Amino acid sequence: QVQLVESGGGLVQAGGSLRLSCEVSGRTFSSYAMGWFRQAPGKEREFIAASSTSGGRTLYAESVKGRFTISRDNAKNTVYLQMNSLKPEDTAVYYCAADVYLYKLRSRVVEYEYWGQGTQVTVSS
């Protein structure tokens, strides 16, 4: 059984930074591509960023490109999302997810097999 546990969410002022972490257990972490998604109240879950198994390839949504950075430490079974220059519209529950398909970084919710429980990020204006 694969388990993903996010941490690092919280309340931050606009312009501030947060770093989210997602620790994965249950299977070999380095065999998964990893993604971050978010869901704001009343909205659908949306793609934020994805990383290849080595971290050498990344993919970002246009809305966060240049502000957010995905990275991973395979020795710690952990993927990170560094969020800078946060805006009130970044307020959402943030989820990490694991994808067993390794040939292309993917961005659709249905393409990811395993999910964490989410961590709340609130950006005040």
PDB file of N, CA and C in Angstrom:
ATOM      1  N   GLN A   1       0.833  -1.188   0.000  1.00  0.00           N
ATOM      2  CA  GLN A   1       0.000   0.000   0.000  1.00  0.00           C
ATOM      3  C   GLN A   1       0.876   1.249   0.000  1.00  0.00           C
ATOM      4  N   VAL A   2       0.626   2.126  -0.944  1.00  0.00           N
ATOM      5  CA  VAL A   2       1.393   3.357  -1.051  1.00  0.00           C
ATOM      6  C   VAL A   2       0.693   4.441  -0.232  1.00  0.00           C
ATOM      7  N   GLN A   3       1.464   5.132   0.587  1.00  0.00           N
ATOM      8  CA  GLN A   3       0.913   6.226   1.382  1.00  0.00           C
ATOM      9  C   GLN A   3       1.681   7.510   1.098  1.00  0.00           C
ATOM     10  N   LEU A   4       0.943   8.602   0.963  1.00  0.00           N
ATOM     11  CA  LEU A   4       1.524   9.917   0.738  1.00  0.00           C
ATOM     12  C   LEU A   4       1.021  10.842   1.836  1.00  0.00           C
ATOM     13  N   VAL A   5       1.936  11.535   2.485  1.00  0.00           N
ATOM     14  CA  VAL A   5       1.560  12.427   3.574  1.00  0.00           C
ATOM     15  C   VAL A   5       2.165  13.807   3.326  1.00  0.00           C
ATOM     16  N   GLU A   6       1.279  14.789   3.125  1.00  0.00           N
ATOM     17  CA  GLU A   6       1.731  16.166   2.905  1.00  0.00           C
ATOM     18  C   GLU A   6       1.887  16.896   4.232  1.00  0.00           C
ATOM     19  N   SER A   7       2.754  17.887   4.230  1.00  0.00           N
ATOM     20  CA  SER A   7       2.922  18.761   5.381  1.00  0.00           C
ATOM     21  C   SER A   7       3.456  20.102   4.891  1.00  0.00           C
ATOM     22  N   GLY A   8       3.409  21.097   5.793  1.00  0.00           N
ATOM     23  CA  GLY A   8       4.004  22.383   5.467  1.00  0.00           C
ATOM     24  C   GLY A   8       3.012  23.479   5.115  1.00  0.00           C
ATOM     25  N   GLY A   9       1.743  23.142   5.043  1.00  0.00           N
ATOM     26  CA  GLY A   9       0.750  24.165   4.754  1.00  0.00           C
ATOM     27  C   GLY A   9       0.585  25.123   5.920  1.00  0.00           C
ATOM     28  N   GLY A  10      -0.163  26.204   5.671  1.00  0.00           N
ATOM     29  CA  GLY A  10      -0.410  27.169   6.730  1.00  0.00           C
ATOM     30  C   GLY A  10      -0.924  28.476   6.183  1.00  0.00           C
ATOM     31  N   LEU A  11      -0.883  29.490   7.032  1.00  0.00           N
ATOM     32  CA  LEU A  11      -1.351  30.828   6.688  1.00  0.00           C
ATOM     33  C   LEU A  11      -0.146  31.723   6.428  1.00  0.00           C
ATOM     34  N   VAL A  12      -0.174  32.426   5.315  1.00  0.00           N
ATOM     35  CA  VAL A  12       0.939  33.298   4.955  1.00  0.00           C
ATOM     36  C   VAL A  12       0.374  34.550   4.292  1.00  0.00           C
ATOM     37  N   GLN A  13       1.077  35.647   4.426  1.00  0.00           N
ATOM     38  CA  GLN A  13       0.641  36.879   3.775  1.00  0.00           C
ATOM     39  C   GLN A  13       1.028  36.867   2.293  1.00  0.00           C
ATOM     40  N   ALA A  14       0.289  37.627   1.519  1.00  0.00           N
ATOM     41  CA  ALA A  14       0.609  37.760   0.099  1.00  0.00           C
ATOM     42  C   ALA A  14       2.055  38.230  -0.067  1.00  0.00           C
ATOM     43  N   GLY A  15       2.744  37.615  -1.020  1.00  0.00           N
ATOM     44  CA  GLY A  15       4.151  37.908  -1.235  1.00  0.00           C
ATOM     45  C   GLY A  15       5.099  36.994  -0.478  1.00  0.00           C
ATOM     46  N   GLY A  16       4.546  36.230   0.455  1.00  0.00           N
ATOM     47  CA  GLY A  16       5.365  35.339   1.259  1.00  0.00           C
ATOM     48  C   GLY A  16       5.647  34.015   0.590  1.00  0.00           C
ATOM     49  N   SER A  17       6.286  33.127   1.346  1.00  0.00           N
ATOM     50  CA  SER A  17       6.706  31.824   0.820  1.00  0.00           C
ATOM     51  C   SER A  17       6.318  30.704   1.769  1.00  0.00           C
ATOM     52  N   LEU A  18       6.134  29.534   1.194  1.00  0.00           N
ATOM     53  CA  LEU A  18       5.918  28.302   1.949  1.00  0.00           C
ATOM     54  C   LEU A  18       6.597  27.167   1.200  1.00  0.00           C
ATOM     55  N   ARG A  19       7.009  26.147   1.934  1.00  0.00           N
ATOM     56  CA  ARG A  19       7.505  24.936   1.290  1.00  0.00           C
ATOM     57  C   ARG A  19       6.679  23.755   1.769  1.00  0.00           C
ATOM     58  N   LEU A  20       6.044  23.098   0.842  1.00  0.00           N
ATOM     59  CA  LEU A  20       5.283  21.893   1.148  1.00  0.00           C
ATOM     60  C   LEU A  20       6.174  20.664   0.958  1.00  0.00           C
ATOM     61  N   SER A  21       5.911  19.666   1.784  1.00  0.00           N
ATOM     62  CA  SER A  21       6.615  18.390   1.667  1.00  0.00           C
ATOM     63  C   SER A  21       5.601  17.279   1.521  1.00  0.00           C
ATOM     64  N   CYS A  22       6.003  16.221   0.865  1.00  0.00           N
ATOM     65  CA  CYS A  22       5.159  15.039   0.714  1.00  0.00           C
ATOM     66  C   CYS A  22       6.055  13.816   0.836  1.00  0.00           C
ATOM     67  N   GLU A  23       5.858  13.073   1.906  1.00  0.00           N
ATOM     68  CA  GLU A  23       6.646  11.866   2.129  1.00  0.00           C
ATOM     69  C   GLU A  23       5.858  10.660   1.642  1.00  0.00           C
ATOM     70  N   VAL A  24       6.535   9.795   0.914  1.00  0.00           N
ATOM     71  CA  VAL A  24       5.900   8.627   0.322  1.00  0.00           C
ATOM     72  C   VAL A  24       6.454   7.352   0.958  1.00  0.00           C
ATOM     73  N   SER A  25       5.578   6.428   1.292  1.00  0.00           N
ATOM     74  CA  SER A  25       6.006   5.155   1.855  1.00  0.00           C
ATOM     75  C   SER A  25       5.237   4.032   1.195  1.00  0.00           C
ATOM     76  N   GLY A  26       5.757   2.843   1.323  1.00  0.00           N
ATOM     77  CA  GLY A  26       5.045   1.665   0.847  1.00  0.00           C
ATOM     78  C   GLY A  26       5.652   1.003  -0.371  1.00  0.00           C
ATOM     79  N   ARG A  27       6.265   1.795  -1.232  1.00  0.00           N
ATOM     80  CA  ARG A  27       6.931   1.236  -2.402  1.00  0.00           C
ATOM     81  C   ARG A  27       8.114   2.123  -2.761  1.00  0.00           C
ATOM     82  N   THR A  28       8.885   1.710  -3.721  1.00  0.00           N
ATOM     83  CA  THR A  28      10.076   2.461  -4.092  1.00  0.00           C
ATOM     84  C   THR A  28       9.707   3.820  -4.651  1.00  0.00           C
ATOM     85  N   PHE A  29      10.047   4.856  -3.902  1.00  0.00           N
ATOM     86  CA  PHE A  29       9.682   6.218  -4.268  1.00  0.00           C
ATOM     87  C   PHE A  29      10.228   6.599  -5.632  1.00  0.00           C
ATOM     88  N   SER A  30      11.444   6.166  -5.924  1.00  0.00           N
ATOM     89  CA  SER A  30      12.086   6.580  -7.167  1.00  0.00           C
ATOM     90  C   SER A  30      11.456   5.962  -8.407  1.00  0.00           C
ATOM     91  N   SER A  31      10.491   5.081  -8.232  1.00  0.00           N
ATOM     92  CA  SER A  31       9.803   4.496  -9.378  1.00  0.00           C
ATOM     93  C   SER A  31       8.575   5.287  -9.800  1.00  0.00           C
ATOM     94  N   TYR A  32       8.290   6.391  -9.108  1.00  0.00           N
ATOM     95  CA  TYR A  32       7.123   7.208  -9.423  1.00  0.00           C
ATOM     96  C   TYR A  32       7.513   8.579  -9.939  1.00  0.00           C
ATOM     97  N   ALA A  33       6.809   9.032 -10.958  1.00  0.00           N
ATOM     98  CA  ALA A  33       6.775  10.460 -11.222  1.00  0.00           C
ATOM     99  C   ALA A  33       5.849  11.070 -10.172  1.00  0.00           C
ATOM    100  N   MET A  34       6.123  12.297  -9.775  1.00  0.00           N
ATOM    101  CA  MET A  34       5.340  12.917  -8.712  1.00  0.00           C
ATOM    102  C   MET A  34       4.728  14.226  -9.186  1.00  0.00           C
ATOM    103  N   GLY A  35       3.542  14.496  -8.673  1.00  0.00           N
ATOM    104  CA  GLY A  35       2.870  15.733  -9.046  1.00  0.00           C
ATOM    105  C   GLY A  35       2.284  16.438  -7.835  1.00  0.00           C
ATOM    106  N   TRP A  36       2.047  17.720  -8.016  1.00  0.00           N
ATOM    107  CA  TRP A  36       1.317  18.533  -7.038  1.00  0.00           C
ATOM    108  C   TRP A  36       0.080  19.105  -7.724  1.00  0.00           C
ATOM    109  N   PHE A  37      -1.021  19.074  -6.996  1.00  0.00           N
ATOM    110  CA  PHE A  37      -2.289  19.629  -7.451  1.00  0.00           C
ATOM    111  C   PHE A  37      -2.855  20.491  -6.330  1.00  0.00           C
ATOM    112  N   ARG A  38      -3.873  21.263  -6.666  1.00  0.00           N
ATOM    113  CA  ARG A  38      -4.564  22.041  -5.632  1.00  0.00           C
ATOM    114  C   ARG A  38      -6.044  22.145  -5.972  1.00  0.00           C
ATOM    115  N   GLN A  39      -6.812  22.368  -4.918  1.00  0.00           N
ATOM    116  CA  GLN A  39      -8.253  22.518  -5.102  1.00  0.00           C
ATOM    117  C   GLN A  39      -8.764  23.615  -4.187  1.00  0.00           C
ATOM    118  N   ALA A  40      -9.301  24.649  -4.795  1.00  0.00           N
ATOM    119  CA  ALA A  40      -9.908  25.747  -4.059  1.00  0.00           C
ATOM    120  C   ALA A  40     -11.394  25.441  -3.858  1.00  0.00           C
ATOM    121  N   PRO A  41     -12.012  26.062  -2.845  1.00  0.00           N
ATOM    122  CA  PRO A  41     -13.441  25.805  -2.590  1.00  0.00           C
ATOM    123  C   PRO A  41     -14.289  26.093  -3.823  1.00  0.00           C
ATOM    124  N   GLY A  42     -15.142  25.139  -4.177  1.00  0.00           N
ATOM    125  CA  GLY A  42     -16.038  25.325  -5.302  1.00  0.00           C
ATOM    126  C   GLY A  42     -15.405  25.150  -6.661  1.00  0.00           C
ATOM    127  N   LYS A  43     -14.133  24.753  -6.687  1.00  0.00           N
ATOM    128  CA  LYS A  43     -13.440  24.592  -7.957  1.00  0.00           C
ATOM    129  C   LYS A  43     -12.935  23.170  -8.122  1.00  0.00           C
ATOM    130  N   GLU A  44     -12.626  22.818  -9.358  1.00  0.00           N
ATOM    131  CA  GLU A  44     -12.071  21.505  -9.612  1.00  0.00           C
ATOM    132  C   GLU A  44     -10.597  21.466  -9.215  1.00  0.00           C
ATOM    133  N   ARG A  45     -10.132  20.252  -8.947  1.00  0.00           N
ATOM    134  CA  ARG A  45      -8.724  20.064  -8.636  1.00  0.00           C
ATOM    135  C   ARG A  45      -7.903  20.361  -9.891  1.00  0.00           C
ATOM    136  N   GLU A  46      -6.816  21.137  -9.704  1.00  0.00           N
ATOM    137  CA  GLU A  46      -6.028  21.535 -10.850  1.00  0.00           C
ATOM    138  C   GLU A  46      -4.559  21.190 -10.671  1.00  0.00           C
ATOM    139  N   PHE A  47      -3.927  20.946 -11.784  1.00  0.00           N
ATOM    140  CA  PHE A  47      -2.503  20.598 -11.825  1.00  0.00           C
ATOM    141  C   PHE A  47      -1.648  21.815 -11.512  1.00  0.00           C
ATOM    142  N   ILE A  48      -0.559  21.557 -10.748  1.00  0.00           N
ATOM    143  CA  ILE A  48       0.391  22.609 -10.415  1.00  0.00           C
ATOM    144  C   ILE A  48       1.762  22.308 -11.006  1.00  0.00           C
ATOM    145  N   ALA A  49       2.292  21.128 -10.692  1.00  0.00           N
ATOM    146  CA  ALA A  49       3.656  20.820 -11.106  1.00  0.00           C
ATOM    147  C   ALA A  49       3.865  19.312 -11.085  1.00  0.00           C
ATOM    148  N   ALA A  50       4.840  18.855 -11.873  1.00  0.00           N
ATOM    149  CA  ALA A  50       5.194  17.442 -11.890  1.00  0.00           C
ATOM    150  C   ALA A  50       6.698  17.304 -12.037  1.00  0.00           C
ATOM    151  N   SER A  51       7.197  16.187 -11.531  1.00  0.00           N
ATOM    152  CA  SER A  51       8.628  15.893 -11.590  1.00  0.00           C
ATOM    153  C   SER A  51       8.841  14.471 -12.053  1.00  0.00           C
ATOM    154  N   SER A  52       9.852  14.268 -12.884  1.00  0.00           N
ATOM    155  CA  SER A  52      10.227  12.922 -13.282  1.00  0.00           C
ATOM    156  C   SER A  52      10.856  12.186 -12.099  1.00  0.00           C
ATOM    157  N   THR A  53      11.145  10.906 -12.295  1.00  0.00           N
ATOM    158  CA  THR A  53      11.656  10.110 -11.183  1.00  0.00           C
ATOM    159  C   THR A  53      12.973  10.642 -10.624  1.00  0.00           C
ATOM    160  N   SER A  54      13.805  11.166 -11.481  1.00  0.00           N
ATOM    161  CA  SER A  54      15.100  11.687 -11.030  1.00  0.00           C
ATOM    162  C   SER A  54      15.039  13.157 -10.646  1.00  0.00           C
ATOM    163  N   GLY A  55      13.967  13.824 -11.023  1.00  0.00           N
ATOM    164  CA  GLY A  55      13.885  15.269 -10.817  1.00  0.00           C
ATOM    165  C   GLY A  55      14.474  16.065 -11.960  1.00  0.00           C
ATOM    166  N   GLY A  56      14.987  15.372 -12.959  1.00  0.00           N
ATOM    167  CA  GLY A  56      15.637  16.057 -14.067  1.00  0.00           C
ATOM    168  C   GLY A  56      14.689  16.725 -15.032  1.00  0.00           C
ATOM    169  N   ARG A  57      13.451  16.276 -15.059  1.00  0.00           N
ATOM    170  CA  ARG A  57      12.417  16.898 -15.892  1.00  0.00           C
ATOM    171  C   ARG A  57      11.287  17.382 -15.006  1.00  0.00           C
ATOM    172  N   THR A  58      10.819  18.583 -15.295  1.00  0.00           N
ATOM    173  CA  THR A  58       9.712  19.151 -14.549  1.00  0.00           C
ATOM    174  C   THR A  58       8.708  19.777 -15.501  1.00  0.00           C
ATOM    175  N   LEU A  59       7.498  19.945 -14.994  1.00  0.00           N
ATOM    176  CA  LEU A  59       6.404  20.533 -15.766  1.00  0.00           C
ATOM    177  C   LEU A  59       5.607  21.409 -14.818  1.00  0.00           C
ATOM    178  N   TYR A  60       5.198  22.588 -15.290  1.00  0.00           N
ATOM    179  CA  TYR A  60       4.467  23.517 -14.439  1.00  0.00           C
ATOM    180  C   TYR A  60       3.231  24.052 -15.148  1.00  0.00           C
ATOM    181  N   ALA A  61       2.225  24.342 -14.344  1.00  0.00           N
ATOM    182  CA  ALA A  61       1.089  25.089 -14.851  1.00  0.00           C
ATOM    183  C   ALA A  61       1.516  26.539 -15.088  1.00  0.00           C
ATOM    184  N   GLU A  62       0.926  27.173 -16.082  1.00  0.00           N
ATOM    185  CA  GLU A  62       1.292  28.553 -16.390  1.00  0.00           C
ATOM    186  C   GLU A  62       1.064  29.489 -15.211  1.00  0.00           C
ATOM    187  N   SER A  63       0.057  29.197 -14.411  1.00  0.00           N
ATOM    188  CA  SER A  63      -0.307  30.078 -13.306  1.00  0.00           C
ATOM    189  C   SER A  63       0.749  30.141 -12.211  1.00  0.00           C
ATOM    190  N   VAL A  64       1.644  29.161 -12.163  1.00  0.00           N
ATOM    191  CA  VAL A  64       2.649  29.133 -11.092  1.00  0.00           C
ATOM    192  C   VAL A  64       4.076  29.168 -11.629  1.00  0.00           C
ATOM    193  N   LYS A  65       4.226  29.140 -12.932  1.00  0.00           N
ATOM    194  CA  LYS A  65       5.563  29.101 -13.525  1.00  0.00           C
ATOM    195  C   LYS A  65       6.349  30.349 -13.111  1.00  0.00           C
ATOM    196  N   GLY A  66       7.574  30.113 -12.649  1.00  0.00           N
ATOM    197  CA  GLY A  66       8.420  31.208 -12.176  1.00  0.00           C
ATOM    198  C   GLY A  66       8.251  31.535 -10.704  1.00  0.00           C
ATOM    199  N   ARG A  67       7.200  31.015 -10.075  1.00  0.00           N
ATOM    200  CA  ARG A  67       6.974  31.257  -8.643  1.00  0.00           C
ATOM    201  C   ARG A  67       7.123  29.985  -7.813  1.00  0.00           C
ATOM    202  N   PHE A  68       6.708  28.863  -8.363  1.00  0.00           N
ATOM    203  CA  PHE A  68       6.746  27.587  -7.641  1.00  0.00           C
ATOM    204  C   PHE A  68       7.844  26.697  -8.244  1.00  0.00           C
ATOM    205  N   THR A  69       8.444  25.880  -7.372  1.00  0.00           N
ATOM    206  CA  THR A  69       9.461  24.936  -7.825  1.00  0.00           C
ATOM    207  C   THR A  69       9.214  23.574  -7.192  1.00  0.00           C
ATOM    208  N   ILE A  70       9.147  22.555  -8.034  1.00  0.00           N
ATOM    209  CA  ILE A  70       9.023  21.189  -7.534  1.00  0.00           C
ATOM    210  C   ILE A  70      10.412  20.564  -7.501  1.00  0.00           C
ATOM    211  N   SER A  71      10.678  19.805  -6.455  1.00  0.00           N
ATOM    212  CA  SER A  71      11.937  19.090  -6.350  1.00  0.00           C
ATOM    213  C   SER A  71      11.697  17.819  -5.559  1.00  0.00           C
ATOM    214  N   ARG A  72      12.666  16.924  -5.575  1.00  0.00           N
ATOM    215  CA  ARG A  72      12.503  15.681  -4.844  1.00  0.00           C
ATOM    216  C   ARG A  72      13.846  15.209  -4.317  1.00  0.00           C
ATOM    217  N   ASP A  73      13.784  14.489  -3.207  1.00  0.00           N
ATOM    218  CA  ASP A  73      14.948  13.860  -2.608  1.00  0.00           C
ATOM    219  C   ASP A  73      14.631  12.377  -2.505  1.00  0.00           C
ATOM    220  N   ASN A  74      15.159  11.597  -3.424  1.00  0.00           N
ATOM    221  CA  ASN A  74      14.826  10.174  -3.444  1.00  0.00           C
ATOM    222  C   ASN A  74      15.383   9.424  -2.240  1.00  0.00           C
ATOM    223  N   ALA A  75      16.438   9.953  -1.643  1.00  0.00           N
ATOM    224  CA  ALA A  75      16.991   9.315  -0.444  1.00  0.00           C
ATOM    225  C   ALA A  75      16.051   9.477   0.750  1.00  0.00           C
ATOM    226  N   LYS A  76      15.226  10.525   0.715  1.00  0.00           N
ATOM    227  CA  LYS A  76      14.285  10.781   1.806  1.00  0.00           C
ATOM    228  C   LYS A  76      12.852  10.442   1.423  1.00  0.00           C
ATOM    229  N   ASN A  77      12.654   9.886   0.224  1.00  0.00           N
ATOM    230  CA  ASN A  77      11.302   9.531  -0.237  1.00  0.00           C
ATOM    231  C   ASN A  77      10.352  10.723  -0.160  1.00  0.00           C
ATOM    232  N   THR A  78      10.835  11.877  -0.504  1.00  0.00           N
ATOM    233  CA  THR A  78      10.068  13.104  -0.315  1.00  0.00           C
ATOM    234  C   THR A  78      10.114  13.987  -1.560  1.00  0.00           C
ATOM    235  N   VAL A  79       8.972  14.555  -1.885  1.00  0.00           N
ATOM    236  CA  VAL A  79       8.877  15.561  -2.939  1.00  0.00           C
ATOM    237  C   VAL A  79       8.467  16.873  -2.287  1.00  0.00           C
ATOM    238  N   TYR A  80       8.982  17.975  -2.817  1.00  0.00           N
ATOM    239  CA  TYR A  80       8.749  19.291  -2.238  1.00  0.00           C
ATOM    240  C   TYR A  80       8.078  20.213  -3.261  1.00  0.00           C
ATOM    241  N   LEU A  81       7.402  21.215  -2.731  1.00  0.00           N
ATOM    242  CA  LEU A  81       6.897  22.293  -3.565  1.00  0.00           C
ATOM    243  C   LEU A  81       7.254  23.599  -2.870  1.00  0.00           C
ATOM    244  N   GLN A  82       8.234  24.298  -3.408  1.00  0.00           N
ATOM    245  CA  GLN A  82       8.606  25.608  -2.901  1.00  0.00           C
ATOM    246  C   GLN A  82       7.721  26.643  -3.573  1.00  0.00           C
ATOM    247  N   MET A  83       7.021  27.419  -2.770  1.00  0.00           N
ATOM    248  CA  MET A  83       6.072  28.408  -3.291  1.00  0.00           C
ATOM    249  C   MET A  83       6.516  29.794  -2.857  1.00  0.00           C
ATOM    250  N   ASN A  84       6.834  30.624  -3.814  1.00  0.00           N
ATOM    251  CA  ASN A  84       7.262  32.003  -3.556  1.00  0.00           C
ATOM    252  C   ASN A  84       6.271  32.976  -4.162  1.00  0.00           C
ATOM    253  N   SER A  85       6.360  34.210  -3.727  1.00  0.00           N
ATOM    254  CA  SER A  85       5.496  35.274  -4.248  1.00  0.00           C
ATOM    255  C   SER A  85       4.031  34.842  -4.235  1.00  0.00           C
ATOM    256  N   LEU A  86       3.602  34.320  -3.110  1.00  0.00           N
ATOM    257  CA  LEU A  86       2.250  33.786  -3.016  1.00  0.00           C
ATOM    258  C   LEU A  86       1.197  34.875  -3.156  1.00  0.00           C
ATOM    259  N   LYS A  87       0.075  34.495  -3.767  1.00  0.00           N
ATOM    260  CA  LYS A  87      -1.038  35.396  -4.007  1.00  0.00           C
ATOM    261  C   LYS A  87      -2.286  34.843  -3.330  1.00  0.00           C
ATOM    262  N   PRO A  88      -3.246  35.685  -3.005  1.00  0.00           N
ATOM    263  CA  PRO A  88      -4.490  35.177  -2.411  1.00  0.00           C
ATOM    264  C   PRO A  88      -5.150  34.090  -3.263  1.00  0.00           C
ATOM    265  N   GLU A  89      -5.016  34.166  -4.562  1.00  0.00           N
ATOM    266  CA  GLU A  89      -5.628  33.160  -5.425  1.00  0.00           C
ATOM    267  C   GLU A  89      -4.908  31.815  -5.380  1.00  0.00           C
ATOM    268  N   ASP A  90      -3.788  31.739  -4.676  1.00  0.00           N
ATOM    269  CA  ASP A  90      -3.120  30.459  -4.448  1.00  0.00           C
ATOM    270  C   ASP A  90      -3.749  29.696  -3.283  1.00  0.00           C
ATOM    271  N   THR A  91      -4.678  30.308  -2.581  1.00  0.00           N
ATOM    272  CA  THR A  91      -5.341  29.654  -1.462  1.00  0.00           C
ATOM    273  C   THR A  91      -6.091  28.423  -1.939  1.00  0.00           C
ATOM    274  N   ALA A  92      -5.785  27.277  -1.319  1.00  0.00           N
ATOM    275  CA  ALA A  92      -6.382  26.011  -1.733  1.00  0.00           C
ATOM    276  C   ALA A  92      -5.862  24.910  -0.821  1.00  0.00           C
ATOM    277  N   VAL A  93      -6.448  23.735  -0.968  1.00  0.00           N
ATOM    278  CA  VAL A  93      -5.865  22.523  -0.392  1.00  0.00           C
ATOM    279  C   VAL A  93      -4.908  21.965  -1.442  1.00  0.00           C
ATOM    280  N   TYR A  94      -3.690  21.688  -1.021  1.00  0.00           N
ATOM    281  CA  TYR A  94      -2.664  21.203  -1.933  1.00  0.00           C
ATOM    282  C   TYR A  94      -2.461  19.699  -1.714  1.00  0.00           C
ATOM    283  N   TYR A  95      -2.414  18.969  -2.818  1.00  0.00           N
ATOM    284  CA  TYR A  95      -2.271  17.523  -2.785  1.00  0.00           C
ATOM    285  C   TYR A  95      -1.035  17.092  -3.562  1.00  0.00           C
ATOM    286  N   CYS A  96      -0.329  16.088  -3.045  1.00  0.00           N
ATOM    287  CA  CYS A  96       0.692  15.448  -3.862  1.00  0.00           C
ATOM    288  C   CYS A  96       0.113  14.138  -4.391  1.00  0.00           C
ATOM    289  N   ALA A  97       0.673  13.679  -5.496  1.00  0.00           N
ATOM    290  CA  ALA A  97       0.173  12.482  -6.142  1.00  0.00           C
ATOM    291  C   ALA A  97       1.320  11.757  -6.843  1.00  0.00           C
ATOM    292  N   ALA A  98       1.166  10.442  -6.992  1.00  0.00           N
ATOM    293  CA  ALA A  98       2.190   9.609  -7.618  1.00  0.00           C
ATOM    294  C   ALA A  98       1.652   8.980  -8.894  1.00  0.00           C
ATOM    295  N   ASP A  99       2.492   8.970  -9.910  1.00  0.00           N
ATOM    296  CA  ASP A  99       2.124   8.455 -11.226  1.00  0.00           C
ATOM    297  C   ASP A  99       3.103   7.359 -11.605  1.00  0.00           C
ATOM    298  N   VAL A 100       2.587   6.178 -11.992  1.00  0.00           N
ATOM    299  CA  VAL A 100       3.477   5.077 -12.350  1.00  0.00           C
ATOM    300  C   VAL A 100       3.925   5.163 -13.803  1.00  0.00           C
ATOM    301  N   TYR A 101       3.324   6.052 -14.591  1.00  0.00           N
ATOM    302  CA  TYR A 101       3.693   6.199 -15.997  1.00  0.00           C
ATOM    303  C   TYR A 101       4.908   7.105 -16.072  1.00  0.00           C
ATOM    304  N   LEU A 102       6.004   6.611 -16.630  1.00  0.00           N
ATOM    305  CA  LEU A 102       7.271   7.318 -16.518  1.00  0.00           C
ATOM    306  C   LEU A 102       7.770   7.950 -17.815  1.00  0.00           C
ATOM    307  N   TYR A 103       7.040   7.774 -18.914  1.00  0.00           N
ATOM    308  CA  TYR A 103       7.572   8.202 -20.207  1.00  0.00           C
ATOM    309  C   TYR A 103       7.214   9.633 -20.568  1.00  0.00           C
ATOM    310  N   LYS A 104       6.294  10.196 -19.806  1.00  0.00           N
ATOM    311  CA  LYS A 104       5.871  11.566 -20.094  1.00  0.00           C
ATOM    312  C   LYS A 104       5.289  12.143 -18.808  1.00  0.00           C
ATOM    313  N   LEU A 105       5.625  13.365 -18.501  1.00  0.00           N
ATOM    314  CA  LEU A 105       5.031  14.007 -17.334  1.00  0.00           C
ATOM    315  C   LEU A 105       3.585  14.369 -17.666  1.00  0.00           C
ATOM    316  N   ARG A 106       2.691  14.039 -16.747  1.00  0.00           N
ATOM    317  CA  ARG A 106       1.268  14.193 -17.020  1.00  0.00           C
ATOM    318  C   ARG A 106       0.635  15.188 -16.070  1.00  0.00           C
ATOM    319  N   SER A 107      -0.519  15.717 -16.468  1.00  0.00           N
ATOM    320  CA  SER A 107      -1.109  16.814 -15.701  1.00  0.00           C
ATOM    321  C   SER A 107      -2.595  16.618 -15.397  1.00  0.00           C
ATOM    322  N   ARG A 108      -3.151  15.495 -15.752  1.00  0.00           N
ATOM    323  CA  ARG A 108      -4.575  15.291 -15.472  1.00  0.00           C
ATOM    324  C   ARG A 108      -4.759  14.506 -14.187  1.00  0.00           C
ATOM    325  N   VAL A 109      -5.771  14.864 -13.423  1.00  0.00           N
ATOM    326  CA  VAL A 109      -6.043  14.218 -12.132  1.00  0.00           C
ATOM    327  C   VAL A 109      -6.201  12.712 -12.299  1.00  0.00           C
ATOM    328  N   VAL A 110      -6.913  12.294 -13.345  1.00  0.00           N
ATOM    329  CA  VAL A 110      -7.232  10.871 -13.513  1.00  0.00           C
ATOM    330  C   VAL A 110      -6.001  10.035 -13.836  1.00  0.00           C
ATOM    331  N   GLU A 111      -4.906  10.687 -14.205  1.00  0.00           N
ATOM    332  CA  GLU A 111      -3.699   9.959 -14.593  1.00  0.00           C
ATOM    333  C   GLU A 111      -2.817   9.581 -13.413  1.00  0.00           C
ATOM    334  N   TYR A 112      -3.123  10.093 -12.245  1.00  0.00           N
ATOM    335  CA  TYR A 112      -2.315   9.816 -11.063  1.00  0.00           C
ATOM    336  C   TYR A 112      -2.992   8.754 -10.205  1.00  0.00           C
ATOM    337  N   GLU A 113      -2.204   7.777  -9.773  1.00  0.00           N
ATOM    338  CA  GLU A 113      -2.766   6.609  -9.100  1.00  0.00           C
ATOM    339  C   GLU A 113      -2.936   6.783  -7.596  1.00  0.00           C
ATOM    340  N   TYR A 114      -2.013   7.470  -6.980  1.00  0.00           N
ATOM    341  CA  TYR A 114      -2.013   7.556  -5.520  1.00  0.00           C
ATOM    342  C   TYR A 114      -2.001   9.024  -5.084  1.00  0.00           C
ATOM    343  N   TRP A 115      -2.730   9.292  -3.980  1.00  0.00           N
ATOM    344  CA  TRP A 115      -2.923  10.661  -3.516  1.00  0.00           C
ATOM    345  C   TRP A 115      -2.722  10.776  -2.015  1.00  0.00           C
ATOM    346  N   GLY A 116      -2.230  11.945  -1.610  1.00  0.00           N
ATOM    347  CA  GLY A 116      -2.188  12.276  -0.205  1.00  0.00           C
ATOM    348  C   GLY A 116      -3.514  12.857   0.251  1.00  0.00           C
ATOM    349  N   GLN A 117      -3.575  13.215   1.529  1.00  0.00           N
ATOM    350  CA  GLN A 117      -4.820  13.712   2.109  1.00  0.00           C
ATOM    351  C   GLN A 117      -4.976  15.221   1.951  1.00  0.00           C
ATOM    352  N   GLY A 118      -3.909  15.891   1.569  1.00  0.00           N
ATOM    353  CA  GLY A 118      -3.971  17.328   1.331  1.00  0.00           C
ATOM    354  C   GLY A 118      -3.511  18.150   2.519  1.00  0.00           C
ATOM    355  N   THR A 119      -3.041  19.346   2.229  1.00  0.00           N
ATOM    356  CA  THR A 119      -2.641  20.303   3.259  1.00  0.00           C
ATOM    357  C   THR A 119      -3.134  21.681   2.835  1.00  0.00           C
ATOM    358  N   GLN A 120      -3.703  22.419   3.786  1.00  0.00           N
ATOM    359  CA  GLN A 120      -4.320  23.700   3.481  1.00  0.00           C
ATOM    360  C   GLN A 120      -3.274  24.802   3.404  1.00  0.00           C
ATOM    361  N   VAL A 121      -3.360  25.593   2.355  1.00  0.00           N
ATOM    362  CA  VAL A 121      -2.550  26.795   2.204  1.00  0.00           C
ATOM    363  C   VAL A 121      -3.503  27.977   2.078  1.00  0.00           C
ATOM    364  N   THR A 122      -3.337  28.950   2.958  1.00  0.00           N
ATOM    365  CA  THR A 122      -4.170  30.146   2.933  1.00  0.00           C
ATOM    366  C   THR A 122      -3.272  31.365   2.805  1.00  0.00           C
ATOM    367  N   VAL A 123      -3.533  32.177   1.791  1.00  0.00           N
ATOM    368  CA  VAL A 123      -2.750  33.377   1.546  1.00  0.00           C
ATOM    369  C   VAL A 123      -3.644  34.585   1.790  1.00  0.00           C
ATOM    370  N   SER A 124      -3.271  35.391   2.760  1.00  0.00           N
ATOM    371  CA  SER A 124      -4.068  36.568   3.092  1.00  0.00           C
ATOM    372  C   SER A 124      -3.575  37.784   2.315  1.00  0.00           C
ATOM    373  N   SER A 125      -4.504  38.677   2.021  1.00  0.00           N
ATOM    374  CA  SER A 125      -4.141  39.880   1.242  1.00  0.00           C
ATOM    375  C   SER A 125      -3.761  41.043   2.133  1.00  0.00           C
TER     376      SER A 125
END
